[in-house]
Amino acid sequence: MNEKEKMINGEKYNPMVPELEQARIRAKELCRQYNNLPQNAKDEKKNILEKLLGKIENTIIIEQNFFCDYGFNIECGENFYINHNCVILDCAKVKFGDNVFIGPNCGFYTAIHPLNAKERLTFIESAKPITVGDNVWFGGNVVVLPGVTIGNNTVIGAGSVVTKDIPDNVVAVGNPCKVIKIIEQ
């Protein structure tokens, strides 16, 4: 199994191998091109997103600036919106359902680095996927950590740090993010 396959499968991998380094360079260059487009360049933006992201549906709006590690591990459902300054570190799959709205300055981080300093210096890391259901709204400055699943019809309040799974039909806020209210459907 090569390092890219290990990365995608959640095993320990070396991100410094040429294949992964080139994939990151490609993604960063596409992000740079995207971020430098005029606001009204809708066709050019969609063309870059189709090259960059693993899966997109018809209605997708990503405000500039947008950054990701690889892009190919990001899947976006229908009616998808990201506000300014989003960072998605997609070493593992990051899957967004339909009708997902993401406020400004949000981050979705799948990478896991060793706690042991000596191990960390080897650059070996792992990653866990992030899964977001349908009809989810993220307030500004939310951070979602590796391995988290967020249920359908859920609201994550501004400034939250999501460290564990959040169920369907709730409002959750805080650091660490916790359910504070059930949303009646």
N, C-alpha and C. Protein backbone atom coordinates (compact mmCIF):
# COMPACT_ATOMS: atom_id res chain seq x y z
N MET A 1 0.85 -1.17 0.00
CA MET A 1 0.00 0.00 0.00
C MET A 1 0.90 1.24 0.00
N ASN A 2 0.63 2.19 -0.90
CA ASN A 2 1.45 3.40 -0.95
C ASN A 2 0.98 4.40 0.12
N GLU A 3 1.73 5.50 0.27
CA GLU A 3 1.44 6.47 1.33
C GLU A 3 0.08 7.15 1.14
N LYS A 4 -0.31 7.41 -0.11
CA LYS A 4 -1.61 8.02 -0.36
C LYS A 4 -2.73 7.08 0.07
N GLU A 5 -2.60 5.82 -0.25
CA GLU A 5 -3.62 4.83 0.16
C GLU A 5 -3.68 4.71 1.67
N LYS A 6 -2.50 4.70 2.32
CA LYS A 6 -2.47 4.66 3.78
C LYS A 6 -3.20 5.88 4.36
N MET A 7 -2.92 7.07 3.79
CA MET A 7 -3.54 8.31 4.26
C MET A 7 -5.06 8.21 4.17
N ILE A 8 -5.55 7.81 3.01
CA ILE A 8 -6.99 7.75 2.78
C ILE A 8 -7.65 6.69 3.66
N ASN A 9 -6.92 5.63 3.99
CA ASN A 9 -7.47 4.55 4.81
C ASN A 9 -7.29 4.76 6.31
N GLY A 10 -6.79 5.92 6.71
CA GLY A 10 -6.67 6.23 8.14
C GLY A 10 -5.49 5.59 8.83
N GLU A 11 -4.54 5.07 8.07
CA GLU A 11 -3.34 4.47 8.65
C GLU A 11 -2.24 5.52 8.76
N LYS A 12 -1.20 5.20 9.51
CA LYS A 12 -0.06 6.11 9.59
C LYS A 12 0.59 6.19 8.22
N TYR A 13 0.98 7.42 7.83
CA TYR A 13 1.57 7.64 6.52
C TYR A 13 2.59 8.77 6.60
N ASN A 14 3.41 8.87 5.56
CA ASN A 14 4.40 9.92 5.46
C ASN A 14 3.94 10.95 4.43
N PRO A 15 3.54 12.14 4.86
CA PRO A 15 3.04 13.15 3.93
C PRO A 15 4.13 13.81 3.08
N MET A 16 5.39 13.49 3.37
CA MET A 16 6.50 14.13 2.67
C MET A 16 6.94 13.37 1.41
N VAL A 17 6.27 12.27 1.09
CA VAL A 17 6.65 11.55 -0.13
C VAL A 17 6.27 12.40 -1.34
N PRO A 18 6.99 12.25 -2.46
CA PRO A 18 6.75 13.11 -3.64
C PRO A 18 5.30 13.12 -4.13
N GLU A 19 4.63 11.97 -4.15
CA GLU A 19 3.25 11.93 -4.65
C GLU A 19 2.33 12.85 -3.85
N LEU A 20 2.43 12.79 -2.52
CA LEU A 20 1.57 13.63 -1.68
C LEU A 20 2.02 15.09 -1.69
N GLU A 21 3.31 15.31 -1.75
CA GLU A 21 3.81 16.68 -1.85
C GLU A 21 3.31 17.34 -3.13
N GLN A 22 3.35 16.62 -4.24
CA GLN A 22 2.87 17.16 -5.51
C GLN A 22 1.36 17.40 -5.48
N ALA A 23 0.62 16.50 -4.82
CA ALA A 23 -0.83 16.67 -4.70
C ALA A 23 -1.16 17.94 -3.90
N ARG A 24 -0.40 18.21 -2.85
CA ARG A 24 -0.62 19.43 -2.05
C ARG A 24 -0.26 20.67 -2.86
N ILE A 25 0.83 20.60 -3.61
CA ILE A 25 1.23 21.74 -4.45
C ILE A 25 0.14 22.04 -5.46
N ARG A 26 -0.41 20.99 -6.09
CA ARG A 26 -1.49 21.15 -7.07
C ARG A 26 -2.69 21.84 -6.41
N ALA A 27 -3.10 21.35 -5.23
CA ALA A 27 -4.26 21.91 -4.54
C ALA A 27 -4.00 23.37 -4.14
N LYS A 28 -2.81 23.67 -3.64
CA LYS A 28 -2.50 25.05 -3.24
C LYS A 28 -2.52 25.98 -4.45
N GLU A 29 -2.03 25.49 -5.59
CA GLU A 29 -2.03 26.32 -6.80
C GLU A 29 -3.47 26.57 -7.27
N LEU A 30 -4.31 25.54 -7.25
CA LEU A 30 -5.71 25.74 -7.63
C LEU A 30 -6.42 26.68 -6.66
N CYS A 31 -6.13 26.57 -5.37
CA CYS A 31 -6.70 27.50 -4.39
C CYS A 31 -6.23 28.93 -4.68
N ARG A 32 -4.95 29.09 -5.00
CA ARG A 32 -4.43 30.42 -5.31
C ARG A 32 -5.16 31.01 -6.52
N GLN A 33 -5.32 30.20 -7.56
CA GLN A 33 -6.03 30.67 -8.75
C GLN A 33 -7.46 31.06 -8.40
N TYR A 34 -8.13 30.21 -7.63
CA TYR A 34 -9.51 30.46 -7.23
C TYR A 34 -9.61 31.76 -6.43
N ASN A 35 -8.73 31.91 -5.45
CA ASN A 35 -8.79 33.07 -4.56
C ASN A 35 -8.47 34.38 -5.27
N ASN A 36 -7.79 34.31 -6.40
CA ASN A 36 -7.42 35.52 -7.15
C ASN A 36 -8.42 35.89 -8.24
N LEU A 37 -9.47 35.10 -8.41
CA LEU A 37 -10.48 35.42 -9.42
C LEU A 37 -11.37 36.58 -8.97
N PRO A 38 -11.89 37.35 -9.94
CA PRO A 38 -12.88 38.37 -9.58
C PRO A 38 -14.13 37.73 -8.98
N GLN A 39 -14.81 38.45 -8.14
CA GLN A 39 -15.99 37.92 -7.46
C GLN A 39 -17.05 37.41 -8.44
N ASN A 40 -17.21 38.05 -9.57
CA ASN A 40 -18.27 37.68 -10.52
C ASN A 40 -17.84 36.64 -11.55
N ALA A 41 -16.68 36.01 -11.39
CA ALA A 41 -16.17 35.01 -12.35
C ALA A 41 -16.74 33.62 -12.04
N LYS A 42 -18.06 33.49 -12.10
CA LYS A 42 -18.72 32.25 -11.67
C LYS A 42 -18.30 31.03 -12.46
N ASP A 43 -18.21 31.14 -13.77
CA ASP A 43 -17.84 29.98 -14.59
C ASP A 43 -16.41 29.53 -14.30
N GLU A 44 -15.50 30.48 -14.18
CA GLU A 44 -14.10 30.14 -13.88
C GLU A 44 -13.98 29.51 -12.49
N LYS A 45 -14.73 30.04 -11.54
CA LYS A 45 -14.70 29.47 -10.18
C LYS A 45 -15.18 28.02 -10.20
N LYS A 46 -16.30 27.78 -10.87
CA LYS A 46 -16.84 26.41 -10.92
C LYS A 46 -15.85 25.47 -11.60
N ASN A 47 -15.21 25.93 -12.67
CA ASN A 47 -14.23 25.12 -13.37
C ASN A 47 -13.08 24.71 -12.44
N ILE A 48 -12.57 25.65 -11.65
CA ILE A 48 -11.49 25.32 -10.71
C ILE A 48 -11.98 24.37 -9.64
N LEU A 49 -13.18 24.61 -9.09
CA LEU A 49 -13.71 23.71 -8.06
C LEU A 49 -13.90 22.29 -8.59
N GLU A 50 -14.31 22.17 -9.84
CA GLU A 50 -14.46 20.84 -10.45
C GLU A 50 -13.12 20.13 -10.55
N LYS A 51 -12.05 20.86 -10.78
CA LYS A 51 -10.70 20.28 -10.84
C LYS A 51 -10.18 19.96 -9.44
N LEU A 52 -10.51 20.81 -8.48
CA LEU A 52 -9.94 20.72 -7.14
C LEU A 52 -10.63 19.70 -6.25
N LEU A 53 -11.95 19.75 -6.19
CA LEU A 53 -12.69 18.96 -5.20
C LEU A 53 -13.07 17.58 -5.73
N GLY A 54 -13.21 16.64 -4.80
CA GLY A 54 -13.54 15.27 -5.17
C GLY A 54 -14.93 15.11 -5.75
N LYS A 55 -15.90 15.86 -5.20
CA LYS A 55 -17.28 15.77 -5.69
C LYS A 55 -17.99 17.07 -5.36
N ILE A 56 -18.65 17.62 -6.37
CA ILE A 56 -19.51 18.77 -6.13
C ILE A 56 -20.81 18.57 -6.89
N GLU A 57 -21.87 19.16 -6.38
CA GLU A 57 -23.16 19.14 -7.04
C GLU A 57 -23.36 20.48 -7.75
N ASN A 58 -24.54 20.70 -8.27
CA ASN A 58 -24.81 21.88 -9.10
C ASN A 58 -24.63 23.21 -8.38
N THR A 59 -25.24 23.36 -7.21
CA THR A 59 -25.24 24.65 -6.54
C THR A 59 -24.17 24.65 -5.46
N ILE A 60 -23.06 25.32 -5.75
CA ILE A 60 -21.96 25.42 -4.78
C ILE A 60 -21.40 26.84 -4.84
N ILE A 61 -21.29 27.45 -3.66
CA ILE A 61 -20.67 28.77 -3.56
C ILE A 61 -19.62 28.68 -2.46
N ILE A 62 -18.39 28.99 -2.83
CA ILE A 62 -17.30 29.08 -1.87
C ILE A 62 -16.70 30.46 -2.00
N GLU A 63 -16.88 31.27 -0.97
CA GLU A 63 -16.34 32.62 -0.99
C GLU A 63 -14.82 32.56 -0.83
N GLN A 64 -14.16 33.51 -1.45
CA GLN A 64 -12.72 33.61 -1.27
C GLN A 64 -12.44 34.21 0.11
N ASN A 65 -11.42 33.87 0.76
CA ASN A 65 -10.36 32.94 0.44
C ASN A 65 -10.72 31.56 0.95
N PHE A 66 -10.29 30.56 0.20
CA PHE A 66 -10.53 29.16 0.53
C PHE A 66 -9.21 28.41 0.41
N PHE A 67 -8.95 27.51 1.36
CA PHE A 67 -7.71 26.74 1.35
C PHE A 67 -8.00 25.28 1.71
N CYS A 68 -7.28 24.37 1.07
CA CYS A 68 -7.36 22.95 1.43
C CYS A 68 -6.00 22.30 1.19
N ASP A 69 -5.83 21.09 1.71
CA ASP A 69 -4.57 20.36 1.53
C ASP A 69 -4.51 19.62 0.20
N TYR A 70 -5.56 18.86 -0.11
CA TYR A 70 -5.55 18.01 -1.30
C TYR A 70 -6.73 18.27 -2.23
N GLY A 71 -7.90 18.52 -1.66
CA GLY A 71 -9.09 18.77 -2.46
C GLY A 71 -9.82 17.51 -2.86
N PHE A 72 -9.10 16.50 -3.31
CA PHE A 72 -9.76 15.28 -3.81
C PHE A 72 -10.51 14.53 -2.74
N ASN A 73 -10.25 14.82 -1.47
CA ASN A 73 -10.96 14.17 -0.37
C ASN A 73 -12.17 14.96 0.12
N ILE A 74 -12.54 16.03 -0.58
CA ILE A 74 -13.67 16.86 -0.17
C ILE A 74 -14.86 16.58 -1.08
N GLU A 75 -16.01 16.23 -0.46
CA GLU A 75 -17.26 16.00 -1.19
C GLU A 75 -18.32 16.96 -0.68
N CYS A 76 -18.94 17.67 -1.61
CA CYS A 76 -19.95 18.68 -1.26
C CYS A 76 -21.29 18.32 -1.88
N GLY A 77 -22.33 18.32 -1.08
CA GLY A 77 -23.67 18.04 -1.57
C GLY A 77 -24.29 19.25 -2.27
N GLU A 78 -25.54 19.11 -2.62
CA GLU A 78 -26.31 20.16 -3.31
C GLU A 78 -26.55 21.33 -2.36
N ASN A 79 -26.61 22.55 -2.94
CA ASN A 79 -26.94 23.75 -2.19
C ASN A 79 -25.94 23.96 -1.04
N PHE A 80 -24.68 24.06 -1.40
CA PHE A 80 -23.56 24.12 -0.47
C PHE A 80 -22.96 25.51 -0.47
N TYR A 81 -22.73 26.08 0.72
CA TYR A 81 -22.19 27.43 0.83
C TYR A 81 -21.12 27.51 1.91
N ILE A 82 -19.97 28.10 1.53
CA ILE A 82 -18.90 28.39 2.49
C ILE A 82 -18.63 29.89 2.44
N ASN A 83 -18.63 30.52 3.60
CA ASN A 83 -18.29 31.93 3.69
C ASN A 83 -16.76 32.08 3.67
N HIS A 84 -16.26 33.30 3.81
CA HIS A 84 -14.84 33.62 3.65
C HIS A 84 -13.93 32.88 4.63
N ASN A 85 -12.71 32.62 4.15
CA ASN A 85 -11.59 32.14 4.98
C ASN A 85 -11.80 30.76 5.59
N CYS A 86 -12.26 29.83 4.80
CA CYS A 86 -12.41 28.45 5.25
C CYS A 86 -11.13 27.67 4.95
N VAL A 87 -10.75 26.80 5.89
CA VAL A 87 -9.61 25.90 5.71
C VAL A 87 -10.10 24.47 5.94
N ILE A 88 -9.87 23.62 4.94
CA ILE A 88 -10.20 22.19 5.07
C ILE A 88 -8.93 21.40 4.87
N LEU A 89 -8.45 20.78 5.95
CA LEU A 89 -7.28 19.91 5.87
C LEU A 89 -7.79 18.50 5.63
N ASP A 90 -7.86 18.14 4.36
CA ASP A 90 -8.54 16.92 3.92
C ASP A 90 -7.59 15.76 3.66
N CYS A 91 -6.80 15.41 4.67
CA CYS A 91 -5.96 14.21 4.56
C CYS A 91 -6.85 12.97 4.52
N ALA A 92 -7.96 13.01 5.21
CA ALA A 92 -9.01 11.99 5.13
C ALA A 92 -10.23 12.64 4.47
N LYS A 93 -11.22 11.84 4.17
CA LYS A 93 -12.43 12.33 3.52
C LYS A 93 -13.14 13.36 4.41
N VAL A 94 -13.60 14.44 3.78
CA VAL A 94 -14.47 15.43 4.43
C VAL A 94 -15.71 15.50 3.55
N LYS A 95 -16.81 14.98 4.08
CA LYS A 95 -18.04 14.85 3.29
C LYS A 95 -19.13 15.73 3.89
N PHE A 96 -19.66 16.62 3.04
CA PHE A 96 -20.74 17.52 3.43
C PHE A 96 -22.01 17.09 2.71
N GLY A 97 -23.14 17.02 3.44
CA GLY A 97 -24.42 16.68 2.84
C GLY A 97 -25.01 17.86 2.07
N ASP A 98 -26.30 17.77 1.77
CA ASP A 98 -27.02 18.82 1.08
C ASP A 98 -27.40 19.94 2.05
N ASN A 99 -27.52 21.16 1.51
CA ASN A 99 -27.98 22.32 2.28
C ASN A 99 -27.11 22.61 3.50
N VAL A 100 -25.80 22.59 3.29
CA VAL A 100 -24.86 22.90 4.35
C VAL A 100 -24.38 24.33 4.17
N PHE A 101 -24.42 25.10 5.25
CA PHE A 101 -23.99 26.51 5.25
C PHE A 101 -22.91 26.68 6.30
N ILE A 102 -21.76 27.21 5.87
CA ILE A 102 -20.60 27.34 6.74
C ILE A 102 -20.25 28.82 6.87
N GLY A 103 -20.23 29.32 8.10
CA GLY A 103 -19.90 30.71 8.36
C GLY A 103 -18.44 31.01 8.11
N PRO A 104 -18.04 32.28 8.27
CA PRO A 104 -16.67 32.68 7.99
C PRO A 104 -15.67 32.11 9.00
N ASN A 105 -14.45 31.95 8.52
CA ASN A 105 -13.30 31.55 9.37
C ASN A 105 -13.46 30.19 10.02
N CYS A 106 -14.08 29.25 9.32
CA CYS A 106 -14.25 27.91 9.87
C CYS A 106 -13.13 27.00 9.39
N GLY A 107 -12.84 25.97 10.19
CA GLY A 107 -11.82 25.00 9.84
C GLY A 107 -12.29 23.59 10.08
N PHE A 108 -11.93 22.71 9.16
CA PHE A 108 -12.25 21.28 9.23
C PHE A 108 -10.93 20.54 9.10
N TYR A 109 -10.49 19.88 10.18
CA TYR A 109 -9.14 19.35 10.24
C TYR A 109 -9.16 17.84 10.47
N THR A 110 -8.70 17.08 9.49
CA THR A 110 -8.69 15.62 9.61
C THR A 110 -7.35 15.07 10.08
N ALA A 111 -6.28 15.85 9.99
CA ALA A 111 -4.93 15.36 10.31
C ALA A 111 -4.76 15.13 11.81
N ILE A 112 -4.03 14.06 12.13
CA ILE A 112 -3.71 13.73 13.51
C ILE A 112 -2.19 13.57 13.60
N HIS A 113 -1.57 14.35 14.47
CA HIS A 113 -0.13 14.29 14.66
C HIS A 113 0.16 13.62 15.99
N PRO A 114 1.27 12.87 16.09
CA PRO A 114 1.61 12.17 17.33
C PRO A 114 1.77 13.14 18.50
N LEU A 115 1.37 12.70 19.67
CA LEU A 115 1.56 13.51 20.87
C LEU A 115 3.01 13.50 21.32
N ASN A 116 3.69 12.39 21.11
CA ASN A 116 5.08 12.24 21.48
C ASN A 116 5.95 13.10 20.55
N ALA A 117 6.75 13.99 21.13
CA ALA A 117 7.55 14.93 20.34
C ALA A 117 8.54 14.21 19.42
N LYS A 118 9.16 13.15 19.89
CA LYS A 118 10.13 12.42 19.07
C LYS A 118 9.44 11.81 17.84
N GLU A 119 8.27 11.23 18.05
CA GLU A 119 7.49 10.68 16.93
C GLU A 119 7.05 11.79 15.97
N ARG A 120 6.63 12.92 16.51
CA ARG A 120 6.16 14.03 15.69
C ARG A 120 7.25 14.52 14.73
N LEU A 121 8.50 14.45 15.16
CA LEU A 121 9.62 14.90 14.34
C LEU A 121 9.88 13.99 13.13
N THR A 122 9.28 12.82 13.11
CA THR A 122 9.43 11.91 11.95
C THR A 122 8.48 12.30 10.82
N PHE A 123 7.54 13.21 11.06
CA PHE A 123 6.52 13.67 10.12
C PHE A 123 5.44 12.62 9.84
N ILE A 124 5.54 11.45 10.45
CA ILE A 124 4.51 10.43 10.26
C ILE A 124 3.24 10.91 10.97
N GLU A 125 2.12 10.80 10.28
CA GLU A 125 0.83 11.24 10.83
C GLU A 125 -0.25 10.29 10.39
N SER A 126 -1.46 10.54 10.83
CA SER A 126 -2.64 9.79 10.38
C SER A 126 -3.78 10.78 10.24
N ALA A 127 -4.93 10.30 9.82
CA ALA A 127 -6.09 11.18 9.63
C ALA A 127 -7.37 10.39 9.83
N LYS A 128 -8.40 11.08 10.27
CA LYS A 128 -9.73 10.49 10.41
C LYS A 128 -10.73 11.38 9.68
N PRO A 129 -11.74 10.78 9.04
CA PRO A 129 -12.69 11.56 8.24
C PRO A 129 -13.63 12.41 9.09
N ILE A 130 -14.18 13.41 8.43
CA ILE A 130 -15.24 14.26 9.00
C ILE A 130 -16.46 14.09 8.11
N THR A 131 -17.62 13.86 8.72
CA THR A 131 -18.86 13.69 7.97
C THR A 131 -19.91 14.65 8.52
N VAL A 132 -20.51 15.42 7.61
CA VAL A 132 -21.53 16.41 7.97
C VAL A 132 -22.81 16.04 7.24
N GLY A 133 -23.92 15.93 7.96
CA GLY A 133 -25.20 15.55 7.38
C GLY A 133 -25.83 16.66 6.56
N ASP A 134 -27.10 16.50 6.27
CA ASP A 134 -27.89 17.47 5.50
C ASP A 134 -28.42 18.57 6.42
N ASN A 135 -28.62 19.76 5.84
CA ASN A 135 -29.28 20.88 6.53
C ASN A 135 -28.54 21.32 7.79
N VAL A 136 -27.22 21.40 7.69
CA VAL A 136 -26.38 21.79 8.83
C VAL A 136 -25.88 23.21 8.63
N TRP A 137 -25.89 23.99 9.70
CA TRP A 137 -25.42 25.36 9.68
C TRP A 137 -24.31 25.50 10.72
N PHE A 138 -23.17 26.04 10.27
CA PHE A 138 -22.04 26.32 11.14
C PHE A 138 -21.91 27.83 11.30
N GLY A 139 -21.93 28.33 12.54
CA GLY A 139 -21.65 29.74 12.76
C GLY A 139 -20.18 30.04 12.47
N GLY A 140 -19.80 31.29 12.56
CA GLY A 140 -18.43 31.68 12.29
C GLY A 140 -17.44 31.13 13.30
N ASN A 141 -16.21 30.95 12.83
CA ASN A 141 -15.09 30.53 13.68
C ASN A 141 -15.28 29.17 14.34
N VAL A 142 -15.95 28.26 13.68
CA VAL A 142 -16.11 26.90 14.17
C VAL A 142 -14.92 26.07 13.71
N VAL A 143 -14.44 25.19 14.59
CA VAL A 143 -13.39 24.24 14.26
C VAL A 143 -13.96 22.84 14.47
N VAL A 144 -13.81 21.98 13.46
CA VAL A 144 -14.25 20.59 13.55
C VAL A 144 -13.01 19.71 13.47
N LEU A 145 -12.85 18.84 14.46
CA LEU A 145 -11.64 18.02 14.59
C LEU A 145 -11.80 16.64 13.95
N PRO A 146 -10.70 15.91 13.81
CA PRO A 146 -10.71 14.61 13.11
C PRO A 146 -11.70 13.61 13.70
N GLY A 147 -12.33 12.85 12.80
CA GLY A 147 -13.18 11.74 13.20
C GLY A 147 -14.59 12.11 13.61
N VAL A 148 -14.97 13.37 13.48
CA VAL A 148 -16.29 13.83 13.95
C VAL A 148 -17.36 13.62 12.88
N THR A 149 -18.54 13.21 13.33
CA THR A 149 -19.74 13.15 12.49
C THR A 149 -20.76 14.11 13.09
N ILE A 150 -21.35 14.94 12.23
CA ILE A 150 -22.38 15.90 12.66
C ILE A 150 -23.67 15.52 11.96
N GLY A 151 -24.73 15.34 12.74
CA GLY A 151 -26.01 14.86 12.22
C GLY A 151 -26.78 15.86 11.40
N ASN A 152 -27.88 15.40 10.84
CA ASN A 152 -28.77 16.21 10.01
C ASN A 152 -29.49 17.28 10.84
N ASN A 153 -29.82 18.40 10.18
CA ASN A 153 -30.65 19.46 10.77
C ASN A 153 -30.06 20.06 12.03
N THR A 154 -28.75 20.12 12.09
CA THR A 154 -28.06 20.57 13.29
C THR A 154 -27.45 21.94 13.08
N VAL A 155 -27.37 22.71 14.14
CA VAL A 155 -26.73 24.02 14.14
C VAL A 155 -25.55 23.96 15.11
N ILE A 156 -24.37 24.37 14.61
CA ILE A 156 -23.18 24.46 15.45
C ILE A 156 -22.91 25.95 15.68
N GLY A 157 -22.98 26.39 16.93
CA GLY A 157 -22.86 27.80 17.26
C GLY A 157 -21.47 28.37 17.02
N ALA A 158 -21.42 29.66 16.76
CA ALA A 158 -20.18 30.37 16.48
C ALA A 158 -19.13 30.12 17.57
N GLY A 159 -17.90 29.96 17.14
CA GLY A 159 -16.79 29.79 18.06
C GLY A 159 -16.64 28.40 18.65
N SER A 160 -17.47 27.47 18.24
CA SER A 160 -17.41 26.13 18.82
C SER A 160 -16.21 25.35 18.31
N VAL A 161 -15.72 24.44 19.16
CA VAL A 161 -14.69 23.47 18.79
C VAL A 161 -15.33 22.10 18.94
N VAL A 162 -15.58 21.46 17.80
CA VAL A 162 -16.32 20.19 17.78
C VAL A 162 -15.30 19.05 17.88
N THR A 163 -15.28 18.40 19.05
CA THR A 163 -14.31 17.34 19.31
C THR A 163 -14.93 15.95 19.26
N LYS A 164 -16.26 15.88 19.34
CA LYS A 164 -16.98 14.59 19.36
C LYS A 164 -18.21 14.69 18.47
N ASP A 165 -18.78 13.53 18.12
CA ASP A 165 -19.97 13.48 17.27
C ASP A 165 -21.10 14.30 17.88
N ILE A 166 -21.89 14.92 16.99
CA ILE A 166 -23.06 15.70 17.38
C ILE A 166 -24.26 15.07 16.67
N PRO A 167 -25.36 14.78 17.39
CA PRO A 167 -26.50 14.08 16.78
C PRO A 167 -27.35 14.98 15.87
N ASP A 168 -28.37 14.38 15.28
CA ASP A 168 -29.35 15.08 14.46
C ASP A 168 -30.18 16.04 15.32
N ASN A 169 -30.69 17.11 14.67
CA ASN A 169 -31.74 17.96 15.23
C ASN A 169 -31.39 18.63 16.55
N VAL A 170 -30.18 19.20 16.63
CA VAL A 170 -29.79 19.87 17.87
C VAL A 170 -29.06 21.17 17.55
N VAL A 171 -29.00 22.02 18.57
CA VAL A 171 -28.09 23.15 18.59
C VAL A 171 -26.97 22.77 19.54
N ALA A 172 -25.73 22.91 19.08
CA ALA A 172 -24.59 22.58 19.92
C ALA A 172 -23.60 23.74 19.86
N VAL A 173 -23.02 24.08 21.02
CA VAL A 173 -22.10 25.21 21.11
C VAL A 173 -21.01 24.91 22.12
N GLY A 174 -19.94 25.70 22.04
CA GLY A 174 -18.93 25.70 23.08
C GLY A 174 -17.62 25.05 22.70
N ASN A 175 -16.71 25.10 23.69
CA ASN A 175 -15.40 24.47 23.56
C ASN A 175 -15.12 23.70 24.84
N PRO A 176 -15.31 22.38 24.80
CA PRO A 176 -15.72 21.57 23.66
C PRO A 176 -17.22 21.74 23.38
N CYS A 177 -17.58 21.52 22.13
CA CYS A 177 -18.96 21.69 21.67
C CYS A 177 -19.88 20.68 22.35
N LYS A 178 -21.01 21.18 22.88
CA LYS A 178 -21.98 20.31 23.56
C LYS A 178 -23.39 20.70 23.13
N VAL A 179 -24.27 19.73 23.13
CA VAL A 179 -25.67 19.97 22.80
C VAL A 179 -26.31 20.81 23.89
N ILE A 180 -27.00 21.89 23.45
CA ILE A 180 -27.71 22.73 24.43
C ILE A 180 -29.21 22.77 24.19
N LYS A 181 -29.64 22.29 23.01
CA LYS A 181 -31.05 22.40 22.69
C LYS A 181 -31.41 21.38 21.61
N ILE A 182 -32.60 20.80 21.74
CA ILE A 182 -33.14 19.94 20.69
C ILE A 182 -34.01 20.79 19.80
N ILE A 183 -33.87 20.60 18.48
CA ILE A 183 -34.66 21.34 17.51
C ILE A 183 -35.84 20.47 17.10
N GLU A 184 -37.06 20.97 17.37
CA GLU A 184 -38.26 20.25 16.97
C GLU A 184 -38.41 20.34 15.45
N GLN A 185 -38.68 19.23 14.81
CA GLN A 185 -38.82 19.19 13.34
C GLN A 185 -40.28 19.18 12.96
